Amino acid sequence: MGKQFTVRLKNEPGALARLAAQLGEHGIDIRTIGVGAVGSSGCAVLSTNNDAATHDVLRQAHYSFVEGEALTVGLEDRPGALAKLSGRLAAAGVNITGLVLLGRHQGKAELAITVDEIDAARRVLAASTTVTA
């Protein structure tokens, strides 16, 4: 899947439009995205068709962001499954920096996650979920 970027945004009209326009002006296609905001801050978690160009555009535009290799994780599509997964990662000292729901099919939910400790996350996830990088 490549990299996933978590980008800090101001919680104001047009913040997402500006981010999307800056990426689009450089021919960057957003592949996945999730956006949220509370108070004066927000963030977007996204992946694109060009990791290097996305990094450059975000840096040149002075966005505060983190990036990481996205792990694709399959887990049972049932209540509590995300709590169990994130709890296991937390117990191993792994912090989730971005998460996007990619889809649901045949009783599974597919997520793209980025973390601060990818090797530890792979060990934790390999125990009971489907993981690809």
C-alpha atoms as a PDB file:
ATOM      1  CA  MET A   1       0.000   0.000   0.000  1.00  0.00           C
ATOM      2  CA  GLY A   2       2.881   2.415   0.542  1.00  0.00           C
ATOM      3  CA  LYS A   3       2.878   5.230   3.054  1.00  0.00           C
ATOM      4  CA  GLN A   4       0.107   6.828   5.008  1.00  0.00           C
ATOM      5  CA  PHE A   5       0.273  10.460   6.127  1.00  0.00           C
ATOM      6  CA  THR A   6      -1.384  11.997   9.186  1.00  0.00           C
ATOM      7  CA  VAL A   7      -1.607  15.741   8.556  1.00  0.00           C
ATOM      8  CA  ARG A   8      -2.555  18.371  11.139  1.00  0.00           C
ATOM      9  CA  LEU A   9      -5.187  20.825   9.911  1.00  0.00           C
ATOM     10  CA  LYS A  10      -6.878  23.862  11.398  1.00  0.00           C
ATOM     11  CA  ASN A  11     -10.531  23.248  12.158  1.00  0.00           C
ATOM     12  CA  GLU A  12     -11.855  25.971   9.867  1.00  0.00           C
ATOM     13  CA  PRO A  13     -13.746  26.228   6.602  1.00  0.00           C
ATOM     14  CA  GLY A  14     -11.495  25.513   3.635  1.00  0.00           C
ATOM     15  CA  ALA A  15      -8.684  23.681   5.471  1.00  0.00           C
ATOM     16  CA  LEU A  16      -9.399  20.374   3.738  1.00  0.00           C
ATOM     17  CA  ALA A  17     -10.010  22.134   0.425  1.00  0.00           C
ATOM     18  CA  ARG A  18      -6.572  23.782   0.616  1.00  0.00           C
ATOM     19  CA  LEU A  19      -4.843  20.482   1.382  1.00  0.00           C
ATOM     20  CA  ALA A  20      -6.657  18.675  -1.429  1.00  0.00           C
ATOM     21  CA  ALA A  21      -5.950  21.525  -3.865  1.00  0.00           C
ATOM     22  CA  GLN A  22      -2.225  21.576  -3.058  1.00  0.00           C
ATOM     23  CA  LEU A  23      -1.970  17.844  -3.661  1.00  0.00           C
ATOM     24  CA  GLY A  24      -4.097  18.031  -6.798  1.00  0.00           C
ATOM     25  CA  GLU A  25      -2.062  20.887  -8.252  1.00  0.00           C
ATOM     26  CA  HIS A  26       0.964  18.594  -8.146  1.00  0.00           C
ATOM     27  CA  GLY A  27      -0.861  15.713  -9.842  1.00  0.00           C
ATOM     28  CA  ILE A  28      -1.170  13.741  -6.607  1.00  0.00           C
ATOM     29  CA  ASP A  29      -4.241  11.507  -6.372  1.00  0.00           C
ATOM     30  CA  ILE A  30      -5.658  10.844  -2.893  1.00  0.00           C
ATOM     31  CA  ARG A  31      -6.343   7.088  -2.622  1.00  0.00           C
ATOM     32  CA  THR A  32      -7.706   6.834   0.949  1.00  0.00           C
ATOM     33  CA  ILE A  33      -8.663   9.529   3.442  1.00  0.00           C
ATOM     34  CA  GLY A  34     -10.246  10.008   6.836  1.00  0.00           C
ATOM     35  CA  VAL A  35     -10.720  13.428   8.441  1.00  0.00           C
ATOM     36  CA  GLY A  36     -11.787  14.595  11.885  1.00  0.00           C
ATOM     37  CA  ALA A  37     -11.633  17.662  14.088  1.00  0.00           C
ATOM     38  CA  VAL A  38     -12.224  18.730  17.678  1.00  0.00           C
ATOM     39  CA  GLY A  39     -11.923  22.292  18.918  1.00  0.00           C
ATOM     40  CA  SER A  40      -9.458  24.257  16.827  1.00  0.00           C
ATOM     41  CA  SER A  41      -7.482  21.239  15.556  1.00  0.00           C
ATOM     42  CA  GLY A  42      -8.146  18.569  13.019  1.00  0.00           C
ATOM     43  CA  CYS A  43      -6.251  16.001  11.050  1.00  0.00           C
ATOM     44  CA  ALA A  44      -6.452  14.040   7.855  1.00  0.00           C
ATOM     45  CA  VAL A  45      -5.124  10.501   7.494  1.00  0.00           C
ATOM     46  CA  LEU A  46      -4.471   9.775   3.839  1.00  0.00           C
ATOM     47  CA  SER A  47      -2.574   7.764   1.277  1.00  0.00           C
ATOM     48  CA  THR A  48      -1.801   8.871  -2.262  1.00  0.00           C
ATOM     49  CA  ASN A  49      -0.457   7.612  -5.558  1.00  0.00           C
ATOM     50  CA  ASN A  50       2.959   9.254  -4.953  1.00  0.00           C
ATOM     51  CA  ASP A  51       4.561   9.075  -1.496  1.00  0.00           C
ATOM     52  CA  ALA A  52       7.673  11.137  -2.293  1.00  0.00           C
ATOM     53  CA  ALA A  53       5.736  13.961  -3.960  1.00  0.00           C
ATOM     54  CA  THR A  54       3.196  14.010  -1.119  1.00  0.00           C
ATOM     55  CA  HIS A  55       6.022  14.349   1.417  1.00  0.00           C
ATOM     56  CA  ASP A  56       7.534  17.222  -0.577  1.00  0.00           C
ATOM     57  CA  VAL A  57       4.231  19.088  -1.006  1.00  0.00           C
ATOM     58  CA  LEU A  58       3.369  18.781   2.690  1.00  0.00           C
ATOM     59  CA  ARG A  59       6.827  19.971   3.746  1.00  0.00           C
ATOM     60  CA  GLN A  60       6.864  22.888   1.275  1.00  0.00           C
ATOM     61  CA  ALA A  61       3.391  23.957   2.412  1.00  0.00           C
ATOM     62  CA  HIS A  62       4.562  23.851   6.056  1.00  0.00           C
ATOM     63  CA  TYR A  63       2.077  21.244   7.238  1.00  0.00           C
ATOM     64  CA  SER A  64       2.815  19.422  10.472  1.00  0.00           C
ATOM     65  CA  PHE A  65       2.598  15.716   9.609  1.00  0.00           C
ATOM     66  CA  VAL A  66       3.856  12.222  10.317  1.00  0.00           C
ATOM     67  CA  GLU A  67       4.242   9.507   7.751  1.00  0.00           C
ATOM     68  CA  GLY A  68       4.788   5.810   7.969  1.00  0.00           C
ATOM     69  CA  GLU A  69       4.522   2.569   6.122  1.00  0.00           C
ATOM     70  CA  ALA A  70       0.892   1.492   6.067  1.00  0.00           C
ATOM     71  CA  LEU A  71       0.100  -1.965   7.345  1.00  0.00           C
ATOM     72  CA  THR A  72      -3.025  -3.552   5.923  1.00  0.00           C
ATOM     73  CA  VAL A  73      -4.789  -5.401   8.709  1.00  0.00           C
ATOM     74  CA  GLY A  74      -7.758  -7.726   8.441  1.00  0.00           C
ATOM     75  CA  LEU A  75      -9.815  -8.396  11.546  1.00  0.00           C
ATOM     76  CA  GLU A  76     -13.206  -9.828  12.370  1.00  0.00           C
ATOM     77  CA  ASP A  77     -15.990  -7.347  11.614  1.00  0.00           C
ATOM     78  CA  ARG A  78     -17.630  -7.486  15.041  1.00  0.00           C
ATOM     79  CA  PRO A  79     -18.073  -5.203  18.057  1.00  0.00           C
ATOM     80  CA  GLY A  80     -14.921  -4.992  20.172  1.00  0.00           C
ATOM     81  CA  ALA A  81     -12.478  -6.217  17.502  1.00  0.00           C
ATOM     82  CA  LEU A  82     -10.819  -2.813  17.118  1.00  0.00           C
ATOM     83  CA  ALA A  83     -10.607  -2.421  20.910  1.00  0.00           C
ATOM     84  CA  LYS A  84      -8.858  -5.777  21.167  1.00  0.00           C
ATOM     85  CA  LEU A  85      -6.434  -4.978  18.325  1.00  0.00           C
ATOM     86  CA  SER A  86      -5.551  -1.498  19.593  1.00  0.00           C
ATOM     87  CA  GLY A  87      -5.251  -2.809  23.161  1.00  0.00           C
ATOM     88  CA  ARG A  88      -2.772  -5.487  22.077  1.00  0.00           C
ATOM     89  CA  LEU A  89      -0.715  -2.882  20.241  1.00  0.00           C
ATOM     90  CA  ALA A  90      -0.799  -0.536  23.246  1.00  0.00           C
ATOM     91  CA  ALA A  91       0.295  -3.333  25.586  1.00  0.00           C
ATOM     92  CA  ALA A  92       3.348  -3.818  23.345  1.00  0.00           C
ATOM     93  CA  GLY A  93       4.129  -0.080  23.520  1.00  0.00           C
ATOM     94  CA  VAL A  94       2.993   0.597  19.948  1.00  0.00           C
ATOM     95  CA  ASN A  95       1.242   3.896  19.219  1.00  0.00           C
ATOM     96  CA  ILE A  96      -1.182   4.106  16.286  1.00  0.00           C
ATOM     97  CA  THR A  97      -0.548   7.338  14.353  1.00  0.00           C
ATOM     98  CA  GLY A  98      -3.152   6.798  11.624  1.00  0.00           C
ATOM     99  CA  LEU A  99      -6.017   4.443  10.818  1.00  0.00           C
ATOM    100  CA  VAL A 100      -8.380   4.288   7.848  1.00  0.00           C
ATOM    101  CA  LEU A 101     -11.135   1.726   7.258  1.00  0.00           C
ATOM    102  CA  LEU A 102     -10.548   0.422   3.734  1.00  0.00           C
ATOM    103  CA  GLY A 103     -13.629  -1.749   3.524  1.00  0.00           C
ATOM    104  CA  ARG A 104     -15.682  -4.619   4.844  1.00  0.00           C
ATOM    105  CA  HIS A 105     -16.209  -7.954   3.135  1.00  0.00           C
ATOM    106  CA  GLN A 106     -17.129 -11.496   4.113  1.00  0.00           C
ATOM    107  CA  GLY A 107     -17.103 -10.870   7.860  1.00  0.00           C
ATOM    108  CA  LYS A 108     -13.777  -9.043   7.840  1.00  0.00           C
ATOM    109  CA  ALA A 109     -12.912  -5.375   8.221  1.00  0.00           C
ATOM    110  CA  GLU A 110      -9.806  -4.202   6.367  1.00  0.00           C
ATOM    111  CA  LEU A 111      -7.814  -1.366   7.922  1.00  0.00           C
ATOM    112  CA  ALA A 112      -4.741   0.600   6.907  1.00  0.00           C
ATOM    113  CA  ILE A 113      -2.770   1.585   9.999  1.00  0.00           C
ATOM    114  CA  THR A 114       0.442   3.448  10.629  1.00  0.00           C
ATOM    115  CA  VAL A 115       2.347   3.079  13.866  1.00  0.00           C
ATOM    116  CA  ASP A 116       5.449   4.413  15.583  1.00  0.00           C
ATOM    117  CA  GLU A 117       7.063   0.961  16.037  1.00  0.00           C
ATOM    118  CA  ILE A 118       6.431  -1.055  12.864  1.00  0.00           C
ATOM    119  CA  ASP A 119       8.488  -4.147  13.759  1.00  0.00           C
ATOM    120  CA  ALA A 120       6.788  -4.508  17.143  1.00  0.00           C
ATOM    121  CA  ALA A 121       3.402  -3.991  15.482  1.00  0.00           C
ATOM    122  CA  ARG A 122       4.113  -6.715  12.927  1.00  0.00           C
ATOM    123  CA  ARG A 123       4.974  -9.150  15.731  1.00  0.00           C
ATOM    124  CA  VAL A 124       1.790  -8.330  17.630  1.00  0.00           C
ATOM    125  CA  LEU A 125      -0.432  -8.446  14.550  1.00  0.00           C
ATOM    126  CA  ALA A 126       1.037 -11.671  13.187  1.00  0.00           C
ATOM    127  CA  ALA A 127      -0.314 -13.548  16.207  1.00  0.00           C
ATOM    128  CA  SER A 128      -3.991 -13.386  15.221  1.00  0.00           C
ATOM    129  CA  THR A 129      -4.733 -11.127  12.242  1.00  0.00           C
ATOM    130  CA  THR A 130      -3.943 -10.858   8.568  1.00  0.00           C
ATOM    131  CA  VAL A 131      -1.197  -8.302   7.961  1.00  0.00           C
ATOM    132  CA  THR A 132       0.444  -7.148   4.762  1.00  0.00           C
ATOM    133  CA  ALA A 133       2.804  -4.270   4.200  1.00  0.00           C
END
